[in-house]
Amino acid sequence: MATEKRHGARHSVEWPAHYRRPGGTGWRPCRLIDISESGAAIEAFEVGDDEALTGVVELQLRAPLDLGEMMRLHGSVRYSTRSAAGRVRVGIELEPTSELDPQLLDALLRLNTFR
């Protein structure tokens, strides 16, 4: 049985975002599916059939309603799965230097409810 390592509750969201591997050639689109103080899950787009998402990734997102500047988060891929339909879901454990402050997370989630 796997041990649960999450710190803080995950919150379901539907935010457009971008991801890349550090040193990568460019940002690729994704959809942020859920987020917590210490982790996130994305649906990654433009992933080749023979491509595996592993290692460290960067996320770039803007607060809902386009308030504020772009935020960048860094983390390690903890799992990556591909559905029969070809959708790629990636779980990311955020690095301590980019963990979301609980107050910032709360503010982002409250903004999201007024969309």
PDB file of N, CA and C in Angstrom:
ATOM      1  N   MET A   1       0.853  -1.178   0.000  1.00  0.00           N
ATOM      2  CA  MET A   1       0.000   0.000   0.000  1.00  0.00           C
ATOM      3  C   MET A   1       0.899   1.241   0.000  1.00  0.00           C
ATOM      4  N   ALA A   2       0.559   2.203  -0.830  1.00  0.00           N
ATOM      5  CA  ALA A   2       1.350   3.435  -0.924  1.00  0.00           C
ATOM      6  C   ALA A   2       1.047   4.341   0.260  1.00  0.00           C
ATOM      7  N   THR A   3       2.065   5.036   0.711  1.00  0.00           N
ATOM      8  CA  THR A   3       1.900   5.985   1.804  1.00  0.00           C
ATOM      9  C   THR A   3       1.520   7.347   1.247  1.00  0.00           C
ATOM     10  N   GLU A   4       0.515   7.973   1.796  1.00  0.00           N
ATOM     11  CA  GLU A   4       0.067   9.302   1.377  1.00  0.00           C
ATOM     12  C   GLU A   4       1.067  10.336   1.875  1.00  0.00           C
ATOM     13  N   LYS A   5       1.613  11.141   0.958  1.00  0.00           N
ATOM     14  CA  LYS A   5       2.626  12.128   1.315  1.00  0.00           C
ATOM     15  C   LYS A   5       2.144  13.562   1.160  1.00  0.00           C
ATOM     16  N   ARG A   6       0.903  13.767   0.823  1.00  0.00           N
ATOM     17  CA  ARG A   6       0.417  15.122   0.579  1.00  0.00           C
ATOM     18  C   ARG A   6       0.366  15.923   1.867  1.00  0.00           C
ATOM     19  N   HIS A   7       0.688  17.209   1.742  1.00  0.00           N
ATOM     20  CA  HIS A   7       0.576  18.155   2.845  1.00  0.00           C
ATOM     21  C   HIS A   7      -0.482  19.167   2.460  1.00  0.00           C
ATOM     22  N   GLY A   8      -1.625  19.106   3.072  1.00  0.00           N
ATOM     23  CA  GLY A   8      -2.695  20.047   2.748  1.00  0.00           C
ATOM     24  C   GLY A   8      -3.667  19.459   1.758  1.00  0.00           C
ATOM     25  N   ALA A   9      -4.871  19.960   1.811  1.00  0.00           N
ATOM     26  CA  ALA A   9      -5.949  19.464   0.955  1.00  0.00           C
ATOM     27  C   ALA A   9      -5.763  19.925  -0.482  1.00  0.00           C
ATOM     28  N   ARG A  10      -6.106  19.053  -1.407  1.00  0.00           N
ATOM     29  CA  ARG A  10      -6.103  19.402  -2.820  1.00  0.00           C
ATOM     30  C   ARG A  10      -7.421  20.088  -3.141  1.00  0.00           C
ATOM     31  N   HIS A  11      -7.350  21.088  -4.010  1.00  0.00           N
ATOM     32  CA  HIS A  11      -8.530  21.836  -4.428  1.00  0.00           C
ATOM     33  C   HIS A  11      -8.668  21.712  -5.939  1.00  0.00           C
ATOM     34  N   SER A  12      -9.822  21.268  -6.396  1.00  0.00           N
ATOM     35  CA  SER A  12     -10.072  21.138  -7.830  1.00  0.00           C
ATOM     36  C   SER A  12     -10.196  22.515  -8.462  1.00  0.00           C
ATOM     37  N   VAL A  13      -9.512  22.712  -9.575  1.00  0.00           N
ATOM     38  CA  VAL A  13      -9.555  23.976 -10.309  1.00  0.00           C
ATOM     39  C   VAL A  13      -9.583  23.667 -11.804  1.00  0.00           C
ATOM     40  N   GLU A  14      -9.810  24.654 -12.592  1.00  0.00           N
ATOM     41  CA  GLU A  14      -9.789  24.565 -14.056  1.00  0.00           C
ATOM     42  C   GLU A  14      -9.054  25.795 -14.578  1.00  0.00           C
ATOM     43  N   TRP A  15      -7.739  25.822 -14.406  1.00  0.00           N
ATOM     44  CA  TRP A  15      -6.962  26.990 -14.793  1.00  0.00           C
ATOM     45  C   TRP A  15      -6.036  26.659 -15.951  1.00  0.00           C
ATOM     46  N   PRO A  16      -6.046  27.481 -17.004  1.00  0.00           N
ATOM     47  CA  PRO A  16      -5.062  27.290 -18.066  1.00  0.00           C
ATOM     48  C   PRO A  16      -3.683  27.624 -17.529  1.00  0.00           C
ATOM     49  N   ALA A  17      -2.700  26.888 -17.983  1.00  0.00           N
ATOM     50  CA  ALA A  17      -1.323  27.091 -17.521  1.00  0.00           C
ATOM     51  C   ALA A  17      -0.377  26.614 -18.621  1.00  0.00           C
ATOM     52  N   HIS A  18       0.900  26.675 -18.324  1.00  0.00           N
ATOM     53  CA  HIS A  18       1.937  26.178 -19.222  1.00  0.00           C
ATOM     54  C   HIS A  18       2.963  25.420 -18.390  1.00  0.00           C
ATOM     55  N   TYR A  19       3.647  24.483 -19.038  1.00  0.00           N
ATOM     56  CA  TYR A  19       4.694  23.731 -18.359  1.00  0.00           C
ATOM     57  C   TYR A  19       5.900  23.597 -19.281  1.00  0.00           C
ATOM     58  N   ARG A  20       7.035  23.315 -18.682  1.00  0.00           N
ATOM     59  CA  ARG A  20       8.242  22.993 -19.444  1.00  0.00           C
ATOM     60  C   ARG A  20       9.226  22.302 -18.520  1.00  0.00           C
ATOM     61  N   ARG A  21      10.146  21.648 -19.132  1.00  0.00           N
ATOM     62  CA  ARG A  21      11.269  21.094 -18.383  1.00  0.00           C
ATOM     63  C   ARG A  21      12.325  22.183 -18.323  1.00  0.00           C
ATOM     64  N   PRO A  22      13.003  22.330 -17.188  1.00  0.00           N
ATOM     65  CA  PRO A  22      14.044  23.364 -17.117  1.00  0.00           C
ATOM     66  C   PRO A  22      15.042  23.190 -18.260  1.00  0.00           C
ATOM     67  N   GLY A  23      15.344  24.292 -18.901  1.00  0.00           N
ATOM     68  CA  GLY A  23      16.254  24.250 -20.042  1.00  0.00           C
ATOM     69  C   GLY A  23      15.569  23.829 -21.324  1.00  0.00           C
ATOM     70  N   GLY A  24      14.248  23.624 -21.266  1.00  0.00           N
ATOM     71  CA  GLY A  24      13.489  23.212 -22.444  1.00  0.00           C
ATOM     72  C   GLY A  24      13.413  24.325 -23.473  1.00  0.00           C
ATOM     73  N   THR A  25      12.974  23.963 -24.658  1.00  0.00           N
ATOM     74  CA  THR A  25      12.938  24.928 -25.754  1.00  0.00           C
ATOM     75  C   THR A  25      11.745  25.864 -25.711  1.00  0.00           C
ATOM     76  N   GLY A  26      10.739  25.555 -24.931  1.00  0.00           N
ATOM     77  CA  GLY A  26       9.592  26.441 -24.859  1.00  0.00           C
ATOM     78  C   GLY A  26       8.515  25.908 -23.943  1.00  0.00           C
ATOM     79  N   TRP A  27       7.543  26.762 -23.713  1.00  0.00           N
ATOM     80  CA  TRP A  27       6.411  26.411 -22.856  1.00  0.00           C
ATOM     81  C   TRP A  27       5.383  25.646 -23.666  1.00  0.00           C
ATOM     82  N   ARG A  28       4.771  24.644 -23.038  1.00  0.00           N
ATOM     83  CA  ARG A  28       3.684  23.881 -23.645  1.00  0.00           C
ATOM     84  C   ARG A  28       2.417  24.133 -22.832  1.00  0.00           C
ATOM     85  N   PRO A  29       1.264  24.112 -23.489  1.00  0.00           N
ATOM     86  CA  PRO A  29       0.011  24.360 -22.760  1.00  0.00           C
ATOM     87  C   PRO A  29      -0.370  23.162 -21.888  1.00  0.00           C
ATOM     88  N   CYS A  30      -1.064  23.477 -20.806  1.00  0.00           N
ATOM     89  CA  CYS A  30      -1.624  22.454 -19.928  1.00  0.00           C
ATOM     90  C   CYS A  30      -2.825  23.047 -19.212  1.00  0.00           C
ATOM     91  N   ARG A  31      -3.501  22.212 -18.470  1.00  0.00           N
ATOM     92  CA  ARG A  31      -4.635  22.643 -17.656  1.00  0.00           C
ATOM     93  C   ARG A  31      -4.346  22.205 -16.235  1.00  0.00           C
ATOM     94  N   LEU A  32      -4.356  23.160 -15.315  1.00  0.00           N
ATOM     95  CA  LEU A  32      -4.184  22.839 -13.904  1.00  0.00           C
ATOM     96  C   LEU A  32      -5.482  22.229 -13.423  1.00  0.00           C
ATOM     97  N   ILE A  33      -5.395  21.009 -12.893  1.00  0.00           N
ATOM     98  CA  ILE A  33      -6.583  20.256 -12.480  1.00  0.00           C
ATOM     99  C   ILE A  33      -6.846  20.429 -10.996  1.00  0.00           C
ATOM    100  N   ASP A  34      -5.789  20.339 -10.206  1.00  0.00           N
ATOM    101  CA  ASP A  34      -5.931  20.574  -8.772  1.00  0.00           C
ATOM    102  C   ASP A  34      -4.635  21.119  -8.215  1.00  0.00           C
ATOM    103  N   ILE A  35      -4.754  21.735  -7.028  1.00  0.00           N
ATOM    104  CA  ILE A  35      -3.602  22.398  -6.439  1.00  0.00           C
ATOM    105  C   ILE A  35      -3.719  22.371  -4.927  1.00  0.00           C
ATOM    106  N   SER A  36      -2.565  22.332  -4.262  1.00  0.00           N
ATOM    107  CA  SER A  36      -2.495  22.424  -2.806  1.00  0.00           C
ATOM    108  C   SER A  36      -1.255  23.230  -2.466  1.00  0.00           C
ATOM    109  N   GLU A  37      -0.984  23.375  -1.194  1.00  0.00           N
ATOM    110  CA  GLU A  37       0.211  24.110  -0.777  1.00  0.00           C
ATOM    111  C   GLU A  37       1.488  23.431  -1.252  1.00  0.00           C
ATOM    112  N   SER A  38       1.458  22.120  -1.430  1.00  0.00           N
ATOM    113  CA  SER A  38       2.693  21.398  -1.732  1.00  0.00           C
ATOM    114  C   SER A  38       2.660  20.589  -3.020  1.00  0.00           C
ATOM    115  N   GLY A  39       1.572  20.678  -3.777  1.00  0.00           N
ATOM    116  CA  GLY A  39       1.517  19.883  -4.988  1.00  0.00           C
ATOM    117  C   GLY A  39       0.468  20.363  -5.961  1.00  0.00           C
ATOM    118  N   ALA A  40       0.513  19.797  -7.149  1.00  0.00           N
ATOM    119  CA  ALA A  40      -0.424  20.155  -8.200  1.00  0.00           C
ATOM    120  C   ALA A  40      -0.584  18.972  -9.148  1.00  0.00           C
ATOM    121  N   ALA A  41      -1.679  18.957  -9.865  1.00  0.00           N
ATOM    122  CA  ALA A  41      -1.892  17.988 -10.938  1.00  0.00           C
ATOM    123  C   ALA A  41      -2.282  18.759 -12.180  1.00  0.00           C
ATOM    124  N   ILE A  42      -1.725  18.350 -13.312  1.00  0.00           N
ATOM    125  CA  ILE A  42      -2.031  18.998 -14.582  1.00  0.00           C
ATOM    126  C   ILE A  42      -2.456  17.958 -15.604  1.00  0.00           C
ATOM    127  N   GLU A  43      -3.198  18.423 -16.598  1.00  0.00           N
ATOM    128  CA  GLU A  43      -3.393  17.660 -17.815  1.00  0.00           C
ATOM    129  C   GLU A  43      -2.464  18.313 -18.828  1.00  0.00           C
ATOM    130  N   ALA A  44      -1.443  17.579 -19.243  1.00  0.00           N
ATOM    131  CA  ALA A  44      -0.416  18.116 -20.138  1.00  0.00           C
ATOM    132  C   ALA A  44      -0.827  17.892 -21.587  1.00  0.00           C
ATOM    133  N   PHE A  45      -0.667  18.930 -22.406  1.00  0.00           N
ATOM    134  CA  PHE A  45      -0.972  18.842 -23.822  1.00  0.00           C
ATOM    135  C   PHE A  45       0.331  18.804 -24.608  1.00  0.00           C
ATOM    136  N   GLU A  46       0.243  18.409 -25.868  1.00  0.00           N
ATOM    137  CA  GLU A  46       1.391  18.350 -26.780  1.00  0.00           C
ATOM    138  C   GLU A  46       2.474  17.402 -26.265  1.00  0.00           C
ATOM    139  N   VAL A  47       2.047  16.265 -25.731  1.00  0.00           N
ATOM    140  CA  VAL A  47       2.980  15.234 -25.280  1.00  0.00           C
ATOM    141  C   VAL A  47       2.971  14.128 -26.322  1.00  0.00           C
ATOM    142  N   GLY A  48       4.136  13.839 -26.895  1.00  0.00           N
ATOM    143  CA  GLY A  48       4.229  12.797 -27.910  1.00  0.00           C
ATOM    144  C   GLY A  48       3.909  11.426 -27.350  1.00  0.00           C
ATOM    145  N   ASP A  49       3.457  10.526 -28.224  1.00  0.00           N
ATOM    146  CA  ASP A  49       3.101   9.171 -27.800  1.00  0.00           C
ATOM    147  C   ASP A  49       4.269   8.430 -27.163  1.00  0.00           C
ATOM    148  N   ASP A  50       5.478   8.716 -27.599  1.00  0.00           N
ATOM    149  CA  ASP A  50       6.647   8.035 -27.056  1.00  0.00           C
ATOM    150  C   ASP A  50       7.378   8.865 -26.002  1.00  0.00           C
ATOM    151  N   GLU A  51       6.792   9.963 -25.596  1.00  0.00           N
ATOM    152  CA  GLU A  51       7.416  10.880 -24.635  1.00  0.00           C
ATOM    153  C   GLU A  51       6.905  10.602 -23.226  1.00  0.00           C
ATOM    154  N   ALA A  52       7.822  10.567 -22.262  1.00  0.00           N
ATOM    155  CA  ALA A  52       7.457  10.381 -20.857  1.00  0.00           C
ATOM    156  C   ALA A  52       7.794  11.651 -20.086  1.00  0.00           C
ATOM    157  N   LEU A  53       6.869  12.111 -19.271  1.00  0.00           N
ATOM    158  CA  LEU A  53       7.137  13.276 -18.428  1.00  0.00           C
ATOM    159  C   LEU A  53       7.676  12.780 -17.094  1.00  0.00           C
ATOM    160  N   THR A  54       8.928  13.078 -16.844  1.00  0.00           N
ATOM    161  CA  THR A  54       9.597  12.679 -15.616  1.00  0.00           C
ATOM    162  C   THR A  54      10.512  13.807 -15.180  1.00  0.00           C
ATOM    163  N   GLY A  55      11.068  13.681 -13.987  1.00  0.00           N
ATOM    164  CA  GLY A  55      12.038  14.653 -13.513  1.00  0.00           C
ATOM    165  C   GLY A  55      11.399  15.933 -13.018  1.00  0.00           C
ATOM    166  N   VAL A  56      12.108  17.023 -13.224  1.00  0.00           N
ATOM    167  CA  VAL A  56      11.681  18.334 -12.736  1.00  0.00           C
ATOM    168  C   VAL A  56      10.930  19.072 -13.836  1.00  0.00           C
ATOM    169  N   VAL A  57       9.860  19.780 -13.442  1.00  0.00           N
ATOM    170  CA  VAL A  57       9.112  20.615 -14.374  1.00  0.00           C
ATOM    171  C   VAL A  57       8.854  21.976 -13.743  1.00  0.00           C
ATOM    172  N   GLU A  58       8.624  22.944 -14.608  1.00  0.00           N
ATOM    173  CA  GLU A  58       8.215  24.287 -14.193  1.00  0.00           C
ATOM    174  C   GLU A  58       6.783  24.485 -14.640  1.00  0.00           C
ATOM    175  N   LEU A  59       5.982  25.124 -13.799  1.00  0.00           N
ATOM    176  CA  LEU A  59       4.621  25.510 -14.159  1.00  0.00           C
ATOM    177  C   LEU A  59       4.551  27.027 -14.186  1.00  0.00           C
ATOM    178  N   GLN A  60       3.825  27.553 -15.135  1.00  0.00           N
ATOM    179  CA  GLN A  60       3.606  28.991 -15.231  1.00  0.00           C
ATOM    180  C   GLN A  60       2.102  29.195 -15.304  1.00  0.00           C
ATOM    181  N   LEU A  61       1.564  29.992 -14.375  1.00  0.00           N
ATOM    182  CA  LEU A  61       0.132  30.246 -14.381  1.00  0.00           C
ATOM    183  C   LEU A  61      -0.149  31.665 -13.936  1.00  0.00           C
ATOM    184  N   ARG A  62      -1.320  32.112 -14.307  1.00  0.00           N
ATOM    185  CA  ARG A  62      -1.779  33.441 -13.936  1.00  0.00           C
ATOM    186  C   ARG A  62      -2.971  33.264 -13.014  1.00  0.00           C
ATOM    187  N   ALA A  63      -3.085  34.134 -12.061  1.00  0.00           N
ATOM    188  CA  ALA A  63      -4.223  34.084 -11.144  1.00  0.00           C
ATOM    189  C   ALA A  63      -5.514  34.159 -11.940  1.00  0.00           C
ATOM    190  N   PRO A  64      -6.578  33.537 -11.450  1.00  0.00           N
ATOM    191  CA  PRO A  64      -7.868  33.631 -12.148  1.00  0.00           C
ATOM    192  C   PRO A  64      -8.255  35.086 -12.396  1.00  0.00           C
ATOM    193  N   LEU A  65      -9.009  35.284 -13.441  1.00  0.00           N
ATOM    194  CA  LEU A  65      -9.470  36.610 -13.854  1.00  0.00           C
ATOM    195  C   LEU A  65      -8.316  37.509 -14.290  1.00  0.00           C
ATOM    196  N   ASP A  66      -7.160  36.896 -14.589  1.00  0.00           N
ATOM    197  CA  ASP A  66      -5.975  37.631 -15.035  1.00  0.00           C
ATOM    198  C   ASP A  66      -5.536  38.702 -14.049  1.00  0.00           C
ATOM    199  N   LEU A  67      -5.710  38.457 -12.765  1.00  0.00           N
ATOM    200  CA  LEU A  67      -5.232  39.393 -11.748  1.00  0.00           C
ATOM    201  C   LEU A  67      -3.806  39.026 -11.367  1.00  0.00           C
ATOM    202  N   GLY A  68      -2.994  40.018 -11.199  1.00  0.00           N
ATOM    203  CA  GLY A  68      -1.627  39.763 -10.775  1.00  0.00           C
ATOM    204  C   GLY A  68      -0.745  39.314 -11.919  1.00  0.00           C
ATOM    205  N   GLU A  69       0.483  39.026 -11.567  1.00  0.00           N
ATOM    206  CA  GLU A  69       1.458  38.607 -12.556  1.00  0.00           C
ATOM    207  C   GLU A  69       1.486  37.092 -12.656  1.00  0.00           C
ATOM    208  N   MET A  70       2.235  36.626 -13.637  1.00  0.00           N
ATOM    209  CA  MET A  70       2.406  35.190 -13.797  1.00  0.00           C
ATOM    210  C   MET A  70       3.146  34.635 -12.585  1.00  0.00           C
ATOM    211  N   MET A  71       2.756  33.449 -12.176  1.00  0.00           N
ATOM    212  CA  MET A  71       3.436  32.761 -11.089  1.00  0.00           C
ATOM    213  C   MET A  71       4.176  31.574 -11.686  1.00  0.00           C
ATOM    214  N   ARG A  72       5.360  31.313 -11.165  1.00  0.00           N
ATOM    215  CA  ARG A  72       6.106  30.132 -11.597  1.00  0.00           C
ATOM    216  C   ARG A  72       6.330  29.236 -10.398  1.00  0.00           C
ATOM    217  N   LEU A  73       6.046  27.966 -10.605  1.00  0.00           N
ATOM    218  CA  LEU A  73       6.247  26.955  -9.584  1.00  0.00           C
ATOM    219  C   LEU A  73       7.159  25.880 -10.159  1.00  0.00           C
ATOM    220  N   HIS A  74       7.974  25.270  -9.305  1.00  0.00           N
ATOM    221  CA  HIS A  74       8.871  24.198  -9.714  1.00  0.00           C
ATOM    222  C   HIS A  74       8.574  22.966  -8.881  1.00  0.00           C
ATOM    223  N   GLY A  75       8.746  21.825  -9.490  1.00  0.00           N
ATOM    224  CA  GLY A  75       8.531  20.609  -8.729  1.00  0.00           C
ATOM    225  C   GLY A  75       8.985  19.374  -9.469  1.00  0.00           C
ATOM    226  N   SER A  76       8.854  18.246  -8.785  1.00  0.00           N
ATOM    227  CA  SER A  76       9.245  16.950  -9.336  1.00  0.00           C
ATOM    228  C   SER A  76       8.009  16.142  -9.697  1.00  0.00           C
ATOM    229  N   VAL A  77       8.061  15.535 -10.854  1.00  0.00           N
ATOM    230  CA  VAL A  77       6.963  14.674 -11.292  1.00  0.00           C
ATOM    231  C   VAL A  77       6.955  13.436 -10.400  1.00  0.00           C
ATOM    232  N   ARG A  78       5.814  13.167  -9.785  1.00  0.00           N
ATOM    233  CA  ARG A  78       5.655  11.991  -8.919  1.00  0.00           C
ATOM    234  C   ARG A  78       4.911  10.878  -9.638  1.00  0.00           C
ATOM    235  N   TYR A  79       4.062  11.231 -10.611  1.00  0.00           N
ATOM    236  CA  TYR A  79       3.417  10.223 -11.454  1.00  0.00           C
ATOM    237  C   TYR A  79       2.996  10.877 -12.754  1.00  0.00           C
ATOM    238  N   SER A  80       2.885  10.057 -13.766  1.00  0.00           N
ATOM    239  CA  SER A  80       2.402  10.502 -15.067  1.00  0.00           C
ATOM    240  C   SER A  80       1.647   9.331 -15.682  1.00  0.00           C
ATOM    241  N   THR A  81       0.391   9.560 -16.048  1.00  0.00           N
ATOM    242  CA  THR A  81      -0.415   8.504 -16.639  1.00  0.00           C
ATOM    243  C   THR A  81      -1.033   9.000 -17.934  1.00  0.00           C
ATOM    244  N   ARG A  82      -1.232   8.074 -18.846  1.00  0.00           N
ATOM    245  CA  ARG A  82      -1.866   8.399 -20.132  1.00  0.00           C
ATOM    246  C   ARG A  82      -3.126   7.548 -20.248  1.00  0.00           C
ATOM    247  N   SER A  83      -4.257   8.202 -20.505  1.00  0.00           N
ATOM    248  CA  SER A  83      -5.524   7.485 -20.643  1.00  0.00           C
ATOM    249  C   SER A  83      -5.592   6.822 -22.013  1.00  0.00           C
ATOM    250  N   ALA A  84      -6.571   5.957 -22.186  1.00  0.00           N
ATOM    251  CA  ALA A  84      -6.784   5.308 -23.478  1.00  0.00           C
ATOM    252  C   ALA A  84      -7.066   6.345 -24.566  1.00  0.00           C
ATOM    253  N   ALA A  85      -7.627   7.503 -24.172  1.00  0.00           N
ATOM    254  CA  ALA A  85      -7.920   8.583 -25.122  1.00  0.00           C
ATOM    255  C   ALA A  85      -6.689   9.440 -25.411  1.00  0.00           C
ATOM    256  N   GLY A  86      -5.553   9.140 -24.753  1.00  0.00           N
ATOM    257  CA  GLY A  86      -4.322   9.874 -25.001  1.00  0.00           C
ATOM    258  C   GLY A  86      -4.087  11.066 -24.098  1.00  0.00           C
ATOM    259  N   ARG A  87      -4.968  11.300 -23.121  1.00  0.00           N
ATOM    260  CA  ARG A  87      -4.776  12.420 -22.198  1.00  0.00           C
ATOM    261  C   ARG A  87      -3.694  12.067 -21.173  1.00  0.00           C
ATOM    262  N   VAL A  88      -2.838  13.040 -20.891  1.00  0.00           N
ATOM    263  CA  VAL A  88      -1.729  12.812 -19.967  1.00  0.00           C
ATOM    264  C   VAL A  88      -1.955  13.615 -18.694  1.00  0.00           C
ATOM    265  N   ARG A  89      -2.054  12.902 -17.573  1.00  0.00           N
ATOM    266  CA  ARG A  89      -2.221  13.542 -16.261  1.00  0.00           C
ATOM    267  C   ARG A  89      -0.909  13.383 -15.503  1.00  0.00           C
ATOM    268  N   VAL A  90      -0.453  14.501 -14.911  1.00  0.00           N
ATOM    269  CA  VAL A  90       0.837  14.530 -14.237  1.00  0.00           C
ATOM    270  C   VAL A  90       0.659  15.076 -12.827  1.00  0.00           C
ATOM    271  N   GLY A  91       1.172  14.353 -11.838  1.00  0.00           N
ATOM    272  CA  GLY A  91       1.182  14.807 -10.457  1.00  0.00           C
ATOM    273  C   GLY A  91       2.544  15.368 -10.119  1.00  0.00           C
ATOM    274  N   ILE A  92       2.567  16.559  -9.549  1.00  0.00           N
ATOM    275  CA  ILE A  92       3.821  17.268  -9.282  1.00  0.00           C
ATOM    276  C   ILE A  92       3.912  17.610  -7.803  1.00  0.00           C
ATOM    277  N   GLU A  93       5.018  17.233  -7.185  1.00  0.00           N
ATOM    278  CA  GLU A  93       5.298  17.645  -5.807  1.00  0.00           C
ATOM    279  C   GLU A  93       6.123  18.926  -5.883  1.00  0.00           C
ATOM    280  N   LEU A  94       5.572  20.013  -5.374  1.00  0.00           N
ATOM    281  CA  LEU A  94       6.255  21.306  -5.466  1.00  0.00           C
ATOM    282  C   LEU A  94       7.485  21.324  -4.579  1.00  0.00           C
ATOM    283  N   GLU A  95       8.520  21.990  -5.063  1.00  0.00           N
ATOM    284  CA  GLU A  95       9.738  22.163  -4.282  1.00  0.00           C
ATOM    285  C   GLU A  95       9.479  23.157  -3.159  1.00  0.00           C
ATOM    286  N   PRO A  96      10.177  23.005  -2.036  1.00  0.00           N
ATOM    287  CA  PRO A  96       9.952  23.925  -0.909  1.00  0.00           C
ATOM    288  C   PRO A  96      10.085  25.394  -1.280  1.00  0.00           C
ATOM    289  N   THR A  97      10.947  25.722  -2.239  1.00  0.00           N
ATOM    290  CA  THR A  97      11.119  27.124  -2.621  1.00  0.00           C
ATOM    291  C   THR A  97       9.941  27.664  -3.404  1.00  0.00           C
ATOM    292  N   SER A  98       9.063  26.774  -3.901  1.00  0.00           N
ATOM    293  CA  SER A  98       7.925  27.269  -4.664  1.00  0.00           C
ATOM    294  C   SER A  98       6.591  26.780  -4.101  1.00  0.00           C
ATOM    295  N   GLU A  99       6.575  26.305  -2.875  1.00  0.00           N
ATOM    296  CA  GLU A  99       5.304  25.928  -2.273  1.00  0.00           C
ATOM    297  C   GLU A  99       4.409  27.157  -2.204  1.00  0.00           C
ATOM    298  N   LEU A 100       3.151  26.936  -2.420  1.00  0.00           N
ATOM    299  CA  LEU A 100       2.215  28.048  -2.347  1.00  0.00           C
ATOM    300  C   LEU A 100       1.964  28.410  -0.892  1.00  0.00           C
ATOM    301  N   ASP A 101       2.114  29.654  -0.590  1.00  0.00           N
ATOM    302  CA  ASP A 101       1.771  30.156   0.723  1.00  0.00           C
ATOM    303  C   ASP A 101       0.294  29.890   0.957  1.00  0.00           C
ATOM    304  N   PRO A 102      -0.078  29.391   2.131  1.00  0.00           N
ATOM    305  CA  PRO A 102      -1.493  29.090   2.380  1.00  0.00           C
ATOM    306  C   PRO A 102      -2.423  30.272   2.134  1.00  0.00           C
ATOM    307  N   GLN A 103      -1.986  31.481   2.451  1.00  0.00           N
ATOM    308  CA  GLN A 103      -2.840  32.655   2.232  1.00  0.00           C
ATOM    309  C   GLN A 103      -3.010  32.943   0.741  1.00  0.00           C
ATOM    310  N   LEU A 104      -1.936  32.775  -0.034  1.00  0.00           N
ATOM    311  CA  LEU A 104      -2.026  32.983  -1.481  1.00  0.00           C
ATOM    312  C   LEU A 104      -2.941  31.936  -2.096  1.00  0.00           C
ATOM    313  N   LEU A 105      -2.791  30.691  -1.706  1.00  0.00           N
ATOM    314  CA  LEU A 105      -3.654  29.635  -2.210  1.00  0.00           C
ATOM    315  C   LEU A 105      -5.116  29.933  -1.890  1.00  0.00           C
ATOM    316  N   ASP A 106      -5.386  30.331  -0.669  1.00  0.00           N
ATOM    317  CA  ASP A 106      -6.752  30.661  -0.267  1.00  0.00           C
ATOM    318  C   ASP A 106      -7.310  31.804  -1.119  1.00  0.00           C
ATOM    319  N   ALA A 107      -6.507  32.846  -1.349  1.00  0.00           N
ATOM    320  CA  ALA A 107      -6.952  33.982  -2.159  1.00  0.00           C
ATOM    321  C   ALA A 107      -7.232  33.546  -3.598  1.00  0.00           C
ATOM    322  N   LEU A 108      -6.368  32.722  -4.179  1.00  0.00           N
ATOM    323  CA  LEU A 108      -6.581  32.242  -5.541  1.00  0.00           C
ATOM    324  C   LEU A 108      -7.858  31.419  -5.642  1.00  0.00           C
ATOM    325  N   LEU A 109      -8.081  30.571  -4.658  1.00  0.00           N
ATOM    326  CA  LEU A 109      -9.277  29.736  -4.674  1.00  0.00           C
ATOM    327  C   LEU A 109     -10.548  30.565  -4.493  1.00  0.00           C
ATOM    328  N   ARG A 110     -10.493  31.595  -3.644  1.00  0.00           N
ATOM    329  CA  ARG A 110     -11.655  32.461  -3.495  1.00  0.00           C
ATOM    330  C   ARG A 110     -11.947  33.214  -4.778  1.00  0.00           C
ATOM    331  N   LEU A 111     -10.920  33.701  -5.464  1.00  0.00           N
ATOM    332  CA  LEU A 111     -11.120  34.373  -6.741  1.00  0.00           C
ATOM    333  C   LEU A 111     -11.755  33.429  -7.736  1.00  0.00           C
ATOM    334  N   ASN A 112     -11.336  32.180  -7.724  1.00  0.00           N
ATOM    335  CA  ASN A 112     -11.849  31.192  -8.658  1.00  0.00           C
ATOM    336  C   ASN A 112     -13.345  30.962  -8.484  1.00  0.00           C
ATOM    337  N   THR A 113     -13.867  31.104  -7.288  1.00  0.00           N
ATOM    338  CA  THR A 113     -15.290  30.877  -7.053  1.00  0.00           C
ATOM    339  C   THR A 113     -16.162  31.990  -7.620  1.00  0.00           C
ATOM    340  N   PHE A 114     -15.564  33.148  -7.926  1.00  0.00           N
ATOM    341  CA  PHE A 114     -16.346  34.270  -8.453  1.00  0.00           C
ATOM    342  C   PHE A 114     -16.229  34.407  -9.955  1.00  0.00           C
ATOM    343  N   ARG A 115     -15.686  33.435 -10.635  1.00  0.00           N
ATOM    344  CA  ARG A 115     -15.521  33.503 -12.086  1.00  0.00           C
ATOM    345  C   ARG A 115     -16.837  33.451 -12.796  1.00  0.00           C
TER     346      ARG A 115
END
